[in-house]
């Protein structure tokens, strides 16, 4: 590359995202661009640098030695650009992880925050689980997320702060032909003898699997063994159809074809949801996000625990603390 040729930061951002995901489709989804456009940007950067940055096969994407060498420099350039824009009132987007498309708690908070801060960009991300998102938070690749704070490893929690948002009632997703499907609500005792999928083996969501183990203990309900990690609703539905197990979820879980979502009762198990962010986060839209969480929770009564609701003691203690 000639010594004074300009280098578009957009190309560096494309490279860094692919380097973090090691998967072009997931990287394109994070950047909200078409995969073909992302591939073009990466190839253009390789031409301008005169170096191959990735080894691409039909099975995987890996960094070359030149890619490994470029990555820390590219991150510093992008951070400097973000700092410059923030200093002059042109802040980068606030990146808010909503876990999975279709879940309503985070989405409602994000929508309210956009109303409270119309001059700023707040963008959704989907990292699937709080444990995985916590790593992204600490690395500065995501700014905020939602989930079960008490379920994180202590080493992760030390670098994060949280604000309780909701005690969300839990539910079970049943195949429409399941004997319990006709019930409007499913007593926990009715699941005795069942094997229920709760994300076992998914490295992104161990906090959810742990909550399931605590709920099922002593009730004769088994947590299903790990299944292949499914990305996207279609693949998730296919894997669940193949396994045939009920799925532990929350009442707002989006409906899928050939299934029904039934609230769990006797007792009502609660999924504790917090807004989570890395300590020291500074962003002009972050205050709006926290205010939105408080407003939406108050308007919907999300922090009122139903009488007889079930929640682990450790979670109850954490949900009483607000950073």
Protein backbone atom coordinates (compact mmCIF):
# COMPACT_ATOMS: atom_id res chain seq x y z
CA UNK A 1 0.00 0.00 0.00
CA UNK A 2 1.42 3.47 -0.84
CA UNK A 3 2.53 5.30 2.32
CA UNK A 4 -0.09 8.02 2.14
CA UNK A 5 -3.09 6.08 0.78
CA UNK A 6 -6.19 6.64 2.96
CA UNK A 7 -7.64 3.64 4.75
CA UNK A 8 -11.39 3.60 5.33
CA UNK A 9 -12.18 2.80 9.01
CA UNK A 10 -15.28 0.97 7.78
CA UNK A 11 -13.00 -1.66 6.28
CA UNK A 12 -11.20 -2.06 9.59
CA UNK A 13 -14.51 -2.47 11.39
CA UNK A 14 -15.52 -5.18 8.93
CA UNK A 15 -12.20 -6.95 9.50
CA UNK A 16 -12.39 -6.76 13.30
CA UNK A 17 -15.96 -8.08 13.36
CA UNK A 18 -15.11 -11.06 11.17
CA UNK A 19 -12.00 -11.70 13.28
CA UNK A 20 -14.13 -11.78 16.43
CA UNK A 21 -16.85 -14.01 14.99
CA UNK A 22 -14.69 -16.12 12.65
CA UNK A 23 -17.90 -16.49 10.67
CA UNK A 24 -18.96 -14.16 7.83
CA UNK A 25 -22.71 -14.68 8.25
CA UNK A 26 -22.66 -13.84 11.98
CA UNK A 27 -20.33 -10.90 11.38
CA UNK A 28 -22.65 -9.51 8.70
CA UNK A 29 -25.60 -9.82 11.08
CA UNK A 30 -23.70 -7.87 13.77
CA UNK A 31 -22.94 -5.09 11.29
CA UNK A 32 -26.41 -5.12 9.71
CA UNK A 33 -24.96 -5.54 6.21
CA UNK A 34 -25.31 -8.18 3.54
CA UNK A 35 -22.75 -10.97 3.69
CA UNK A 36 -21.66 -10.23 0.11
CA UNK A 37 -20.97 -6.58 1.00
CA UNK A 38 -18.96 -7.63 4.02
CA UNK A 39 -16.90 -10.06 1.94
CA UNK A 40 -16.21 -7.30 -0.59
CA UNK A 41 -15.00 -4.97 2.16
CA UNK A 42 -12.65 -7.60 3.57
CA UNK A 43 -11.23 -8.37 0.11
CA UNK A 44 -10.75 -4.63 -0.53
CA UNK A 45 -8.85 -4.27 2.74
CA UNK A 46 -6.66 -7.23 1.84
CA UNK A 47 -5.88 -5.62 -1.53
CA UNK A 48 -5.07 -2.27 0.03
CA UNK A 49 -2.79 -3.84 2.64
CA UNK A 50 -1.29 -6.35 0.23
CA UNK A 51 -1.87 -9.15 2.70
CA UNK A 52 -4.21 -12.09 3.13
CA UNK A 53 -6.01 -11.69 6.46
CA UNK A 54 -8.17 -14.83 6.63
CA UNK A 55 -7.96 -18.44 5.60
CA UNK A 56 -11.40 -19.38 4.30
CA UNK A 57 -12.63 -22.93 3.83
CA UNK A 58 -16.12 -24.37 3.51
CA UNK A 59 -15.94 -25.38 7.19
CA UNK A 60 -14.23 -22.51 8.97
CA UNK A 61 -12.62 -19.09 8.90
CA UNK A 62 -9.31 -18.47 10.65
CA UNK A 63 -6.92 -15.54 10.93
CA UNK A 64 -3.62 -15.65 9.08
CA UNK A 65 -0.43 -14.45 10.73
CA UNK A 66 -0.95 -11.05 9.05
CA UNK A 67 -4.52 -10.99 10.34
CA UNK A 68 -3.33 -11.67 13.88
CA UNK A 69 -0.77 -8.88 13.50
CA UNK A 70 -3.35 -6.39 12.20
CA UNK A 71 -6.06 -7.09 14.80
CA UNK A 72 -4.70 -5.11 17.80
CA UNK A 73 -3.79 -2.16 15.58
CA UNK A 74 -7.22 -2.12 13.96
CA UNK A 75 -8.93 -2.17 17.37
CA UNK A 76 -6.86 0.79 18.54
CA UNK A 77 -7.72 2.77 15.41
CA UNK A 78 -11.44 2.11 15.83
CA UNK A 79 -11.35 2.99 19.53
CA UNK A 80 -9.56 6.24 18.71
CA UNK A 81 -12.22 7.05 16.12
CA UNK A 82 -15.00 6.35 18.64
CA UNK A 83 -13.28 8.53 21.25
CA UNK A 84 -12.85 11.38 18.77
CA UNK A 85 -16.49 11.30 17.67
CA UNK A 86 -17.69 11.14 21.28
CA UNK A 87 -15.52 14.14 22.20
CA UNK A 88 -17.23 16.19 19.50
CA UNK A 89 -20.77 15.09 20.23
CA UNK A 90 -20.93 12.42 17.54
CA UNK A 91 -21.06 9.40 19.82
CA UNK A 92 -20.93 5.92 18.38
CA UNK A 93 -24.11 3.87 18.72
CA UNK A 94 -24.95 2.41 22.12
CA UNK A 95 -24.96 -1.35 21.51
CA UNK A 96 -27.65 -3.14 23.52
CA UNK A 97 -27.85 -6.93 23.56
CA UNK A 98 -31.43 -8.25 23.64
CA UNK A 99 -30.38 -11.92 23.92
CA UNK A 100 -32.68 -13.30 21.20
CA UNK A 101 -35.12 -11.82 18.69
CA UNK A 102 -38.70 -11.99 19.95
CA UNK A 103 -38.01 -11.61 23.69
CA UNK A 104 -39.94 -8.57 24.86
CA UNK A 105 -38.28 -7.33 28.07
CA UNK A 106 -35.15 -5.87 26.55
CA UNK A 107 -36.95 -4.76 23.41
CA UNK A 108 -39.50 -2.70 25.34
CA UNK A 109 -36.74 -1.04 27.36
CA UNK A 110 -34.74 -0.27 24.22
CA UNK A 111 -37.76 1.19 22.45
CA UNK A 112 -38.45 3.52 25.40
CA UNK A 113 -34.78 4.54 25.57
CA UNK A 114 -34.90 5.53 21.90
CA UNK A 115 -37.86 7.77 22.71
CA UNK A 116 -35.96 9.34 25.62
CA UNK A 117 -32.79 9.93 23.59
CA UNK A 118 -33.94 10.69 20.03
CA UNK A 119 -30.65 12.37 19.18
CA UNK A 120 -28.62 9.22 19.75
CA UNK A 121 -28.41 5.86 18.05
CA UNK A 122 -29.19 2.81 20.17
CA UNK A 123 -28.69 -0.42 18.27
CA UNK A 124 -29.84 -3.94 19.12
CA UNK A 125 -27.54 -6.92 19.22
CA UNK A 126 -28.39 -10.59 19.80
CA UNK A 127 -25.79 -12.56 21.78
CA UNK A 128 -28.19 -15.37 22.91
CA UNK A 129 -27.20 -15.50 26.58
CA UNK A 130 -25.85 -13.30 29.35
CA UNK A 131 -22.74 -15.39 30.02
CA UNK A 132 -21.54 -14.89 26.45
CA UNK A 133 -22.69 -11.27 26.45
CA UNK A 134 -20.73 -10.64 29.65
CA UNK A 135 -17.50 -11.37 27.81
CA UNK A 136 -18.55 -8.99 25.05
CA UNK A 137 -19.42 -6.33 27.65
CA UNK A 138 -16.05 -6.60 29.36
CA UNK A 139 -14.26 -6.46 26.01
CA UNK A 140 -16.18 -3.31 25.03
CA UNK A 141 -17.84 -4.91 22.02
CA UNK A 142 -21.33 -4.55 23.55
CA UNK A 143 -22.44 -1.87 26.02
CA UNK A 144 -25.41 -3.38 27.82
CA UNK A 145 -27.35 -6.63 28.03
CA UNK A 146 -30.23 -8.27 29.90
CA UNK A 147 -30.33 -11.44 31.94
CA UNK A 148 -29.79 -13.30 35.18
CA UNK A 149 -26.97 -11.47 36.92
CA UNK A 150 -26.71 -13.93 39.82
CA UNK A 151 -26.08 -16.71 37.32
CA UNK A 152 -22.79 -15.20 36.15
CA UNK A 153 -19.47 -16.46 37.46
CA UNK A 154 -18.06 -14.21 40.22
CA UNK A 155 -15.06 -13.35 38.02
CA UNK A 156 -17.43 -11.89 35.43
CA UNK A 157 -19.62 -10.05 37.93
CA UNK A 158 -16.69 -8.12 39.41
CA UNK A 159 -16.33 -6.06 36.25
CA UNK A 160 -20.05 -5.51 35.71
CA UNK A 161 -22.91 -3.58 37.28
CA UNK A 162 -26.63 -4.24 37.08
CA UNK A 163 -30.09 -2.79 37.62
CA UNK A 164 -33.02 -5.15 38.36
CA UNK A 165 -35.72 -4.90 35.69
CA UNK A 166 -38.13 -7.81 35.92
CA UNK A 167 -39.24 -10.99 37.60
CA UNK A 168 -40.45 -12.72 34.46
CA UNK A 169 -42.77 -15.73 34.92
CA UNK A 170 -41.42 -18.86 33.33
CA UNK A 171 -43.19 -21.15 30.89
CA UNK A 172 -42.80 -24.39 29.02
CA UNK A 173 -42.89 -24.76 25.25
CA UNK A 174 -44.69 -27.98 24.32
CA UNK A 175 -45.20 -29.79 21.03
CA UNK A 176 -48.84 -29.24 20.13
CA UNK A 177 -49.47 -33.00 20.38
CA UNK A 178 -48.03 -33.24 23.91
CA UNK A 179 -50.52 -34.52 26.56
CA UNK A 180 -50.05 -31.30 28.58
CA UNK A 181 -50.61 -28.97 25.61
CA UNK A 182 -54.40 -28.63 26.15
CA UNK A 183 -53.87 -27.17 29.65
CA UNK A 184 -54.00 -23.35 29.90
CA UNK A 185 -51.31 -23.53 32.62
CA UNK A 186 -48.94 -26.35 33.50
CA UNK A 187 -48.34 -27.18 37.18
CA UNK A 188 -44.71 -27.98 37.83
CA UNK A 189 -45.75 -31.30 39.34
CA UNK A 190 -47.23 -32.29 35.97
CA UNK A 191 -43.73 -32.23 34.49
CA UNK A 192 -42.49 -34.96 36.85
CA UNK A 193 -40.95 -37.71 34.76
CA UNK A 194 -40.37 -35.36 31.81
CA UNK A 195 -37.02 -34.42 30.28
CA UNK A 196 -36.97 -30.69 29.55
CA UNK A 197 -34.52 -28.83 27.34
CA UNK A 198 -32.87 -25.88 29.12
CA UNK A 199 -29.82 -25.09 27.04
CA UNK A 200 -27.48 -27.69 28.55
CA UNK A 201 -24.14 -27.60 26.79
CA UNK A 202 -24.71 -24.17 25.24
CA UNK A 203 -21.65 -22.12 26.27
CA UNK A 204 -23.60 -18.89 25.82
CA UNK A 205 -26.35 -19.69 28.35
CA UNK A 206 -25.08 -21.67 31.37
CA UNK A 207 -26.89 -19.23 33.70
CA UNK A 208 -30.20 -20.46 32.23
CA UNK A 209 -29.29 -24.13 32.59
CA UNK A 210 -28.27 -23.50 36.20
CA UNK A 211 -31.64 -21.88 36.91
CA UNK A 212 -33.37 -24.95 35.44
CA UNK A 213 -31.37 -27.33 37.62
CA UNK A 214 -32.34 -25.33 40.71
CA UNK A 215 -36.00 -25.30 39.69
CA UNK A 216 -36.19 -29.00 38.81
CA UNK A 217 -34.27 -30.27 41.86
CA UNK A 218 -36.45 -32.61 43.91
CA UNK A 219 -39.37 -32.40 41.45
CA UNK A 220 -38.55 -35.44 39.32
CA UNK A 221 -37.82 -33.34 36.23
CA UNK A 222 -34.66 -33.97 34.22
CA UNK A 223 -32.64 -31.44 32.25
CA UNK A 224 -32.21 -32.71 28.69
CA UNK A 225 -28.73 -33.62 27.51
CA UNK A 226 -26.92 -31.22 25.18
CA UNK A 227 -28.05 -31.03 21.57
CA UNK A 228 -26.21 -29.40 18.64
CA UNK A 229 -26.12 -25.61 19.01
CA UNK A 230 -28.81 -24.18 16.73
CA UNK A 231 -28.47 -20.67 15.29
CA UNK A 232 -31.74 -19.07 14.19
CA UNK A 233 -35.39 -19.94 14.79
CA UNK A 234 -35.65 -22.42 11.93
CA UNK A 235 -32.67 -24.48 13.10
CA UNK A 236 -33.78 -24.29 16.74
CA UNK A 237 -37.26 -25.55 15.83
CA UNK A 238 -35.80 -28.37 13.73
CA UNK A 239 -33.51 -29.55 16.53
CA UNK A 240 -36.29 -29.33 19.11
CA UNK A 241 -38.67 -31.27 16.84
CA UNK A 242 -36.06 -33.96 16.42
CA UNK A 243 -35.43 -34.26 20.18
CA UNK A 244 -39.12 -34.00 21.07
CA UNK A 245 -38.52 -32.50 24.52
CA UNK A 246 -40.49 -29.69 26.16
CA UNK A 247 -38.43 -26.48 26.37
CA UNK A 248 -38.06 -24.28 29.46
CA UNK A 249 -38.79 -20.67 28.51
CA UNK A 250 -40.43 -17.46 29.71
CA UNK A 251 -44.02 -16.40 29.13
CA UNK A 252 -42.98 -13.92 26.43
CA UNK A 253 -41.18 -16.60 24.41
CA UNK A 254 -42.19 -16.13 20.75
CA UNK A 255 -44.55 -18.72 19.34
CA UNK A 256 -43.15 -21.32 16.95
CA UNK A 257 -44.99 -23.49 14.47
CA UNK A 258 -46.48 -26.71 15.89
CA UNK A 259 -45.84 -25.67 19.51
CA UNK A 260 -47.70 -23.99 22.36
CA UNK A 261 -46.33 -21.84 25.21
CA UNK A 262 -47.88 -22.56 28.60
CA UNK A 263 -47.17 -20.65 31.85
CA UNK A 264 -45.80 -22.72 34.72
CA UNK A 265 -47.66 -22.58 38.04
CA UNK A 266 -47.81 -24.09 41.54
CA UNK A 267 -45.45 -22.36 42.21
CA UNK A 268 -44.87 -19.69 39.56
CA UNK A 269 -41.14 -19.86 38.79
CA UNK A 270 -39.54 -16.50 38.08
CA UNK A 271 -36.69 -15.63 35.79
CA UNK A 272 -34.84 -12.62 37.29
CA UNK A 273 -33.86 -10.11 34.61
CA UNK A 274 -31.40 -7.26 35.12
CA UNK A 275 -29.98 -4.59 32.86
CA UNK A 276 -26.24 -5.34 32.91
CA UNK A 277 -23.31 -3.15 31.81
CA UNK A 278 -19.57 -2.91 32.32
CA UNK A 279 -18.42 -0.73 35.19
CA UNK A 280 -17.18 2.66 34.08
CA UNK A 281 -19.33 2.77 30.93
CA UNK A 282 -19.64 6.32 29.63
CA UNK A 283 -22.04 7.07 26.78
CA UNK A 284 -24.47 9.98 26.33
CA UNK A 285 -27.40 7.59 25.74
CA UNK A 286 -26.69 5.26 28.66
CA UNK A 287 -28.60 7.34 31.20
CA UNK A 288 -31.66 7.17 28.92
CA UNK A 289 -31.36 3.38 28.84
CA UNK A 290 -31.32 3.16 32.64
CA UNK A 291 -34.25 5.58 32.96
CA UNK A 292 -36.15 3.57 30.36
CA UNK A 293 -35.59 0.37 32.34
CA UNK A 294 -36.94 2.03 35.49
CA UNK A 295 -39.96 3.51 33.73
CA UNK A 296 -41.02 0.39 31.85
CA UNK A 297 -40.53 -1.80 34.92
CA UNK A 298 -42.67 0.53 37.05
CA UNK A 299 -45.42 0.90 34.46
CA UNK A 300 -45.76 -2.87 34.03
CA UNK A 301 -45.21 -3.91 37.63
CA UNK A 302 -42.26 -6.04 36.58
CA UNK A 303 -40.53 -5.84 39.96
CA UNK A 304 -43.55 -6.95 41.99
CA UNK A 305 -43.00 -10.57 42.93
CA UNK A 306 -46.22 -12.60 42.71
CA UNK A 307 -47.34 -14.26 45.93
CA UNK A 308 -45.78 -17.69 46.16
CA UNK A 309 -43.44 -17.06 43.26
CA UNK A 310 -40.32 -19.24 43.19
CA UNK A 311 -36.83 -17.78 42.87
CA UNK A 312 -33.46 -19.01 44.20
CA UNK A 313 -32.32 -17.26 47.38
CA UNK A 314 -29.13 -16.05 45.69
CA UNK A 315 -31.15 -14.38 42.94
CA UNK A 316 -33.55 -12.81 45.41
CA UNK A 317 -30.61 -11.23 47.23
CA UNK A 318 -29.04 -9.92 44.03
CA UNK A 319 -32.35 -8.46 42.79
CA UNK A 320 -32.54 -6.32 45.93
CA UNK A 321 -29.27 -4.59 45.03
CA UNK A 322 -29.17 -1.73 42.55
CA UNK A 323 -25.90 -0.26 41.27
